[in-house]
């Protein structure tokens, strides 16, 4: 069984094989305020009339991708998610309940390079439907074991998201044999706000406390970092929603500086590939340039690629000038 554009939002949300885990991949923020009348419409009709809270067309194709992915996993008897926080104190456990890794595993690989994937969403959702599943599947085709991270976002503030990513890195390394991962070749890849998360963890991995101390003996330093049209600075050219959703209201100048990734780099910062589009009207391309300039000044190993067109939130960049970014990334990291 597969859902199609002739299915309705209500059918998908009421399907027992989908609904229990759909929120890991498709944020309820996209649909929670849609009226019952529209929920019962075929998706192909609904998308002409309904927009997201951010004024964009409802991402029906993304919803189908997530729902059909879950159905395919269930039908194949394959694992759909891995909880990485099972030992938090009760007061913390509730906020981390939905923090999971969605595994995309190559069964014939015993020690493959690994990517932990952090989609964007302005720190108020995790946009797995276009920056998660398609990217993970493409990286699988290229021989990577991939783990899509559903990290904590607003109302959870810094450092919750960072704690989730640090935990994910250590979890993958702790279970590398079972997961078929090369523990010395772990990349973190982030899009937009997920790029900010990865850029900060690239510098702060030793300063983000895991209150369970379960994996303290395992390094949380990523071996490589890929930043895709990233949010970087909270000081200049910043994306206001990302900053507020991550740090809260009334942020001090010192807090902004502390969590501006361009202020956190060092000579031994992990090898980093950065890309963005010149015509990005959502997150200024100045963010990518600031990160590159900072890494250059510290003589760290990096590469920056700016593509002329493509805008923001384009994932693999198909149909845009940025469609070559995965090839460019692989070439850089292989060098």
Protein backbone atom coordinates (compact mmCIF):
# COMPACT_ATOMS: atom_id res chain seq x y z
CA UNK A 1 0.00 0.00 0.00
CA UNK A 2 1.20 3.49 -0.85
CA UNK A 3 -0.37 6.85 -0.25
CA UNK A 4 -0.76 9.15 -3.27
CA UNK A 5 -1.93 12.67 -4.04
CA UNK A 6 -5.43 11.16 -4.09
CA UNK A 7 -5.09 10.33 -0.39
CA UNK A 8 -6.14 12.80 2.28
CA UNK A 9 -4.25 14.17 5.25
CA UNK A 10 -6.83 12.55 7.52
CA UNK A 11 -6.24 9.09 5.98
CA UNK A 12 -2.52 9.38 6.58
CA UNK A 13 -2.80 10.68 10.14
CA UNK A 14 -5.26 7.94 11.07
CA UNK A 15 -3.18 5.09 9.63
CA UNK A 16 -1.80 2.96 12.47
CA UNK A 17 1.28 1.95 10.50
CA UNK A 18 2.25 5.59 10.08
CA UNK A 19 0.87 7.82 12.79
CA UNK A 20 2.93 6.60 15.75
CA UNK A 21 6.22 7.67 14.18
CA UNK A 22 5.24 10.25 11.58
CA UNK A 23 6.18 13.10 13.94
CA UNK A 24 9.81 11.91 13.84
CA UNK A 25 9.90 12.78 10.14
CA UNK A 26 7.13 15.30 9.51
CA UNK A 27 6.54 17.96 12.14
CA UNK A 28 2.96 18.40 13.43
CA UNK A 29 3.56 22.14 12.99
CA UNK A 30 2.88 21.62 9.29
CA UNK A 31 -0.67 20.39 9.84
CA UNK A 32 -1.87 20.90 13.42
CA UNK A 33 -3.94 24.00 12.56
CA UNK A 34 -5.42 22.72 9.30
CA UNK A 35 -9.22 22.63 9.56
CA UNK A 36 -11.09 19.29 9.36
CA UNK A 37 -12.70 20.27 6.05
CA UNK A 38 -9.31 20.52 4.35
CA UNK A 39 -7.93 17.43 6.11
CA UNK A 40 -10.55 15.31 4.35
CA UNK A 41 -9.71 16.63 0.88
CA UNK A 42 -7.48 14.80 -1.55
CA UNK A 43 -3.98 16.17 -1.17
CA UNK A 44 -3.88 17.28 -4.80
CA UNK A 45 -6.80 19.61 -4.07
CA UNK A 46 -5.79 20.60 -0.54
CA UNK A 47 -2.40 21.97 -1.61
CA UNK A 48 -4.12 24.57 -3.81
CA UNK A 49 -5.92 25.99 -0.78
CA UNK A 50 -3.69 25.40 2.25
CA UNK A 51 -0.37 26.96 3.19
CA UNK A 52 2.04 26.30 6.04
CA UNK A 53 2.32 28.75 8.96
CA UNK A 54 5.31 30.20 7.06
CA UNK A 55 3.25 31.10 4.00
CA UNK A 56 4.50 28.34 1.72
CA UNK A 57 2.38 25.68 -0.02
CA UNK A 58 1.67 22.65 2.14
CA UNK A 59 4.49 20.14 1.42
CA UNK A 60 2.24 17.30 0.32
CA UNK A 61 4.97 15.48 -1.59
CA UNK A 62 7.16 15.61 1.50
CA UNK A 63 4.34 14.20 3.63
CA UNK A 64 3.88 11.34 1.16
CA UNK A 65 7.61 10.65 1.16
CA UNK A 66 7.62 10.35 4.97
CA UNK A 67 4.44 8.31 5.25
CA UNK A 68 5.39 5.89 2.46
CA UNK A 69 8.88 5.51 3.91
CA UNK A 70 7.38 4.40 7.23
CA UNK A 71 5.01 1.96 5.52
CA UNK A 72 7.84 0.46 3.45
CA UNK A 73 9.96 -0.01 6.57
CA UNK A 74 7.09 -1.67 8.43
CA UNK A 75 6.28 -3.98 5.52
CA UNK A 76 9.93 -4.98 5.21
CA UNK A 77 10.17 -5.61 8.95
CA UNK A 78 13.02 -3.11 9.20
CA UNK A 79 13.90 -0.79 12.06
CA UNK A 80 12.42 2.68 11.69
CA UNK A 81 14.03 4.51 14.61
CA UNK A 82 16.59 4.21 17.40
CA UNK A 83 16.05 6.00 20.72
CA UNK A 84 19.35 7.42 21.94
CA UNK A 85 18.24 8.76 25.33
CA UNK A 86 17.07 5.90 27.53
CA UNK A 87 18.78 6.83 30.76
CA UNK A 88 17.83 10.44 31.46
CA UNK A 89 16.37 11.50 34.81
CA UNK A 90 12.59 11.77 34.77
CA UNK A 91 12.50 15.57 34.53
CA UNK A 92 14.63 15.45 31.36
CA UNK A 93 13.21 12.32 29.76
CA UNK A 94 9.96 13.87 28.52
CA UNK A 95 11.69 16.51 26.41
CA UNK A 96 13.97 13.89 24.82
CA UNK A 97 11.24 11.32 24.13
CA UNK A 98 11.20 12.02 20.39
CA UNK A 99 14.97 12.32 19.95
CA UNK A 100 15.73 9.43 17.64
CA UNK A 101 18.07 8.35 14.88
CA UNK A 102 16.36 7.15 11.71
CA UNK A 103 18.86 4.61 10.32
CA UNK A 104 19.62 4.18 6.62
CA UNK A 105 21.90 1.17 6.76
CA UNK A 106 23.76 -0.71 4.05
CA UNK A 107 23.59 -4.32 5.17
CA UNK A 108 26.54 -5.41 3.04
CA UNK A 109 28.90 -2.83 4.63
CA UNK A 110 30.78 -3.70 7.81
CA UNK A 111 32.90 -0.57 8.24
CA UNK A 112 31.49 2.21 6.08
CA UNK A 113 31.89 5.98 6.42
CA UNK A 114 29.01 7.45 8.38
CA UNK A 115 26.93 10.62 8.16
CA UNK A 116 24.73 11.97 10.96
CA UNK A 117 22.24 14.18 9.17
CA UNK A 118 20.64 17.26 10.77
CA UNK A 119 17.92 18.88 8.62
CA UNK A 120 16.99 22.51 9.17
CA UNK A 121 13.75 24.16 10.23
CA UNK A 122 14.71 27.36 12.10
CA UNK A 123 15.03 25.40 15.36
CA UNK A 124 11.25 25.04 15.58
CA UNK A 125 10.91 21.88 13.44
CA UNK A 126 13.19 19.34 11.75
CA UNK A 127 12.49 19.32 7.99
CA UNK A 128 13.19 15.65 7.24
CA UNK A 129 10.87 15.48 4.25
CA UNK A 130 13.22 17.37 1.92
CA UNK A 131 16.56 17.71 3.77
CA UNK A 132 16.45 14.29 5.42
CA UNK A 133 15.10 11.26 3.58
CA UNK A 134 16.18 12.19 0.01
CA UNK A 135 19.67 13.20 1.15
CA UNK A 136 20.06 10.04 3.27
CA UNK A 137 19.03 7.85 0.33
CA UNK A 138 21.51 9.57 -2.00
CA UNK A 139 24.31 9.17 0.54
CA UNK A 140 23.38 5.49 0.89
CA UNK A 141 23.82 5.11 -2.86
CA UNK A 142 27.32 6.54 -2.43
CA UNK A 143 28.29 4.01 0.25
CA UNK A 144 27.60 5.87 3.51
CA UNK A 145 25.79 4.56 6.54
CA UNK A 146 23.39 7.40 7.37
CA UNK A 147 21.54 8.37 10.55
CA UNK A 148 18.89 11.05 10.35
CA UNK A 149 18.70 12.86 13.69
CA UNK A 150 15.41 14.20 15.04
CA UNK A 151 16.94 16.65 17.53
CA UNK A 152 15.21 18.87 20.06
CA UNK A 153 13.93 22.26 18.94
CA UNK A 154 11.77 25.04 20.42
CA UNK A 155 10.47 25.16 23.12
CA UNK A 156 13.68 23.33 24.09
CA UNK A 157 16.54 25.84 23.91
CA UNK A 158 20.34 25.65 23.83
CA UNK A 159 22.05 23.33 24.68
CA UNK A 160 19.40 20.61 24.16
CA UNK A 161 19.93 20.26 20.41
CA UNK A 162 23.69 20.23 20.86
CA UNK A 163 23.37 17.55 23.55
CA UNK A 164 21.37 15.42 21.12
CA UNK A 165 23.98 15.68 18.37
CA UNK A 166 26.88 14.99 20.74
CA UNK A 167 25.00 11.98 22.07
CA UNK A 168 24.31 10.77 18.52
CA UNK A 169 28.01 10.93 17.59
CA UNK A 170 29.01 8.96 20.68
CA UNK A 171 26.14 6.50 20.26
CA UNK A 172 27.16 5.67 16.68
CA UNK A 173 30.79 5.21 17.72
CA UNK A 174 29.81 3.09 20.75
CA UNK A 175 27.78 0.77 18.50
CA UNK A 176 29.97 0.93 15.40
CA UNK A 177 30.27 -2.84 14.91
CA UNK A 178 26.54 -3.45 15.11
CA UNK A 179 25.82 -0.49 12.82
CA UNK A 180 28.54 -1.26 10.27
CA UNK A 181 30.25 2.09 10.81
CA UNK A 182 33.89 3.13 10.61
CA UNK A 183 34.22 5.01 13.95
CA UNK A 184 37.15 7.02 12.55
CA UNK A 185 35.08 8.38 9.66
CA UNK A 186 32.03 10.10 11.15
CA UNK A 187 30.68 13.17 9.38
CA UNK A 188 27.98 15.51 10.67
CA UNK A 189 25.95 17.26 7.99
CA UNK A 190 23.53 20.09 8.66
CA UNK A 191 21.15 22.18 6.59
CA UNK A 192 20.23 25.76 7.53
CA UNK A 193 19.64 25.76 11.33
CA UNK A 194 20.93 22.18 11.33
CA UNK A 195 24.10 23.64 9.86
CA UNK A 196 24.38 25.97 12.82
CA UNK A 197 23.95 23.00 15.14
CA UNK A 198 26.73 21.07 13.38
CA UNK A 199 29.05 24.08 13.18
CA UNK A 200 28.72 24.72 16.92
CA UNK A 201 29.20 21.07 17.87
CA UNK A 202 32.33 21.03 15.69
CA UNK A 203 33.84 23.42 18.20
CA UNK A 204 31.99 22.72 21.44
CA UNK A 205 31.78 18.92 21.46
CA UNK A 206 33.96 18.69 24.59
CA UNK A 207 31.95 21.39 26.37
CA UNK A 208 28.45 19.96 25.89
CA UNK A 209 27.65 17.90 28.97
CA UNK A 210 25.85 14.57 28.81
CA UNK A 211 24.29 14.40 32.26
CA UNK A 212 24.10 10.59 32.07
CA UNK A 213 27.88 10.36 31.43
CA UNK A 214 27.15 7.06 29.69
CA UNK A 215 29.55 7.59 26.79
CA UNK A 216 32.04 10.01 28.34
CA UNK A 217 34.96 7.79 27.36
CA UNK A 218 34.02 8.02 23.66
CA UNK A 219 35.07 11.02 21.58
CA UNK A 220 32.30 13.31 20.32
CA UNK A 221 34.60 15.10 17.88
CA UNK A 222 33.27 14.76 14.33
CA UNK A 223 35.87 13.75 11.76
CA UNK A 224 34.26 15.86 9.03
CA UNK A 225 31.57 18.53 8.79
CA UNK A 226 29.34 19.49 5.86
CA UNK A 227 27.40 22.76 6.19
CA UNK A 228 24.59 23.28 3.68
CA UNK A 229 23.30 26.88 3.32
CA UNK A 230 23.97 27.17 7.07
CA UNK A 231 22.85 29.60 9.71
CA UNK A 232 26.19 30.60 11.26
CA UNK A 233 26.16 33.99 12.93
CA UNK A 234 23.84 35.41 15.57
CA UNK A 235 25.68 38.73 15.39
CA UNK A 236 25.44 39.86 11.75
CA UNK A 237 23.24 38.75 8.84
CA UNK A 238 21.54 36.45 11.32
CA UNK A 239 18.35 34.50 10.83
CA UNK A 240 16.17 35.93 13.56
CA UNK A 241 13.74 33.02 13.95
CA UNK A 242 16.59 30.53 14.34
CA UNK A 243 18.25 32.68 16.98
CA UNK A 244 15.05 33.21 19.01
CA UNK A 245 14.00 29.57 18.76
CA UNK A 246 17.43 28.41 19.92
CA UNK A 247 18.36 31.00 22.53
CA UNK A 248 14.98 32.43 23.55
CA UNK A 249 13.79 36.02 23.74
CA UNK A 250 15.85 38.97 25.01
CA UNK A 251 19.20 37.43 24.11
CA UNK A 252 22.24 39.30 25.40
CA UNK A 253 25.07 40.39 23.13
CA UNK A 254 27.35 37.97 24.96
CA UNK A 255 24.99 35.02 24.31
CA UNK A 256 24.82 35.92 20.63
CA UNK A 257 28.60 35.96 20.43
CA UNK A 258 28.97 32.69 22.34
CA UNK A 259 26.72 30.84 19.89
CA UNK A 260 27.95 32.47 16.67
CA UNK A 261 29.84 29.64 15.01
CA UNK A 262 32.31 31.92 13.24
CA UNK A 263 33.58 32.94 16.68
CA UNK A 264 34.24 29.34 17.75
CA UNK A 265 36.70 28.05 15.16
CA UNK A 266 40.31 27.05 15.73
CA UNK A 267 43.22 25.64 13.75
CA UNK A 268 42.22 22.07 14.61
CA UNK A 269 38.54 22.54 13.72
CA UNK A 270 37.34 19.43 11.81
CA UNK A 271 37.74 19.40 8.03
CA UNK A 272 34.72 21.31 6.70
CA UNK A 273 32.84 21.66 3.41
CA UNK A 274 30.45 24.63 3.15
CA UNK A 275 28.02 25.52 0.38
CA UNK A 276 25.24 28.03 -0.17
CA UNK A 277 23.45 29.90 -2.95
CA UNK A 278 24.03 33.53 -3.83
CA UNK A 279 20.29 34.16 -4.21
CA UNK A 280 19.31 32.73 -0.80
CA UNK A 281 16.62 35.10 0.47
CA UNK A 282 16.05 33.25 3.75
CA UNK A 283 19.52 32.86 5.29
CA UNK A 284 22.03 35.36 3.95
CA UNK A 285 24.90 33.78 2.02
CA UNK A 286 27.05 36.01 4.23
CA UNK A 287 26.72 33.31 6.91
CA UNK A 288 28.58 30.74 4.80
CA UNK A 289 31.21 33.31 3.89
CA UNK A 290 31.75 34.30 7.54
CA UNK A 291 32.38 30.68 8.49
CA UNK A 292 34.78 30.23 5.59
CA UNK A 293 36.65 33.44 6.43
CA UNK A 294 36.96 32.36 10.06
CA UNK A 295 38.34 28.94 9.10
CA UNK A 296 40.74 30.57 6.64
CA UNK A 297 42.02 32.93 9.32
CA UNK A 298 42.64 29.97 11.64
CA UNK A 299 44.34 28.00 8.81
CA UNK A 300 41.83 25.19 9.26
CA UNK A 301 41.07 22.80 6.39
CA UNK A 302 37.91 23.88 4.58
CA UNK A 303 36.28 24.50 1.22
CA UNK A 304 33.54 26.98 0.35
CA UNK A 305 31.34 26.73 -2.73
CA UNK A 306 28.82 29.45 -3.58
CA UNK A 307 26.37 28.58 -6.35
CA UNK A 308 24.68 31.39 -8.30
CA UNK A 309 21.08 30.20 -7.96
CA UNK A 310 19.03 27.77 -5.93
CA UNK A 311 17.72 29.77 -2.99
CA UNK A 312 17.12 28.04 0.35
CA UNK A 313 15.77 24.72 1.61
CA UNK A 314 16.70 22.87 -1.60
CA UNK A 315 18.16 19.70 -0.09
CA UNK A 316 19.98 17.87 -2.89
CA UNK A 317 19.61 20.93 -5.10
CA UNK A 318 18.12 19.03 -8.03
CA UNK A 319 17.23 21.34 -10.89
CA UNK A 320 19.40 24.16 -9.54
CA UNK A 321 22.99 25.27 -10.03
CA UNK A 322 23.75 23.61 -6.68
CA UNK A 323 23.00 20.08 -7.92
CA UNK A 324 26.73 19.29 -7.95
CA UNK A 325 27.32 19.90 -4.25
CA UNK A 326 27.43 16.22 -3.20
CA UNK A 327 30.04 15.44 -5.84
CA UNK A 328 32.08 18.48 -4.80
CA UNK A 329 31.86 17.48 -1.14
CA UNK A 330 33.07 13.96 -1.83
CA UNK A 331 35.96 15.22 -3.96
CA UNK A 332 37.03 17.60 -1.18
CA UNK A 333 36.89 15.01 1.60
CA UNK A 334 38.73 12.47 -0.54
CA UNK A 335 41.62 14.90 -1.08
